[in-house]
Amino acid sequence: MVSFIYVGIQLRQNTQQAVRSVEANQLAAFERNIESGNRVRELLLLHPELSDLLLSGFKSQNNLTATEKFRFGMLIRNIFSSIQGGYIRHLLVDHDPQEFEGGMHMLDDLLKNPGVQEWLERHEPDWRLEFRALVDSRLAEIRAQSAAAVPSDAAERQ
């Protein structure tokens, strides 16, 4: 009888420890998402010329010098890397009650920029397959929405 009570107490304690461990992992994943985004923001705040470069590159890469294109590409890689990290953590650890909603908005805002689309056409980032599929699907949806918003030449002539 005593051994059943002991086993019951041990089971309850182990379950509580497992729950606390899962909660700690979820919190750590959430904090990593925040830290990753903060690093990019801090970089842009400490170096205003990078903010200007990013805004120019968002419009188009055509007016950037080779050095500016390289630096713009590094910024874009950092931003995508931050979003990818959040997305993969979202897939692996259920830590965000809003799912990946915030990251999805950030991804969409990034993909709507013509300069980012130009960069993606010229480069093949080394992303995880899951993130590549997400970016491709979001980009296709953004392009479809843009095409639907722009009336065709035939419709304009009528």
Foldseek 3Di string as FASTA:
>chain_A
DVVVVVVVVVVVVVVVVVVVVLLVVLVVLVVLLVVLVVVLVVVCVVDVVLVVLLVVLLQACPPPDPVSVVSNVVSVVSLLVSLLSNLVCLVVRVNDPVRSVVSLVVLLVSLLRPSSVVVVVVDDDPGDPVSVVVSVVSNVVSVVVVVVVDDDPVVVVD
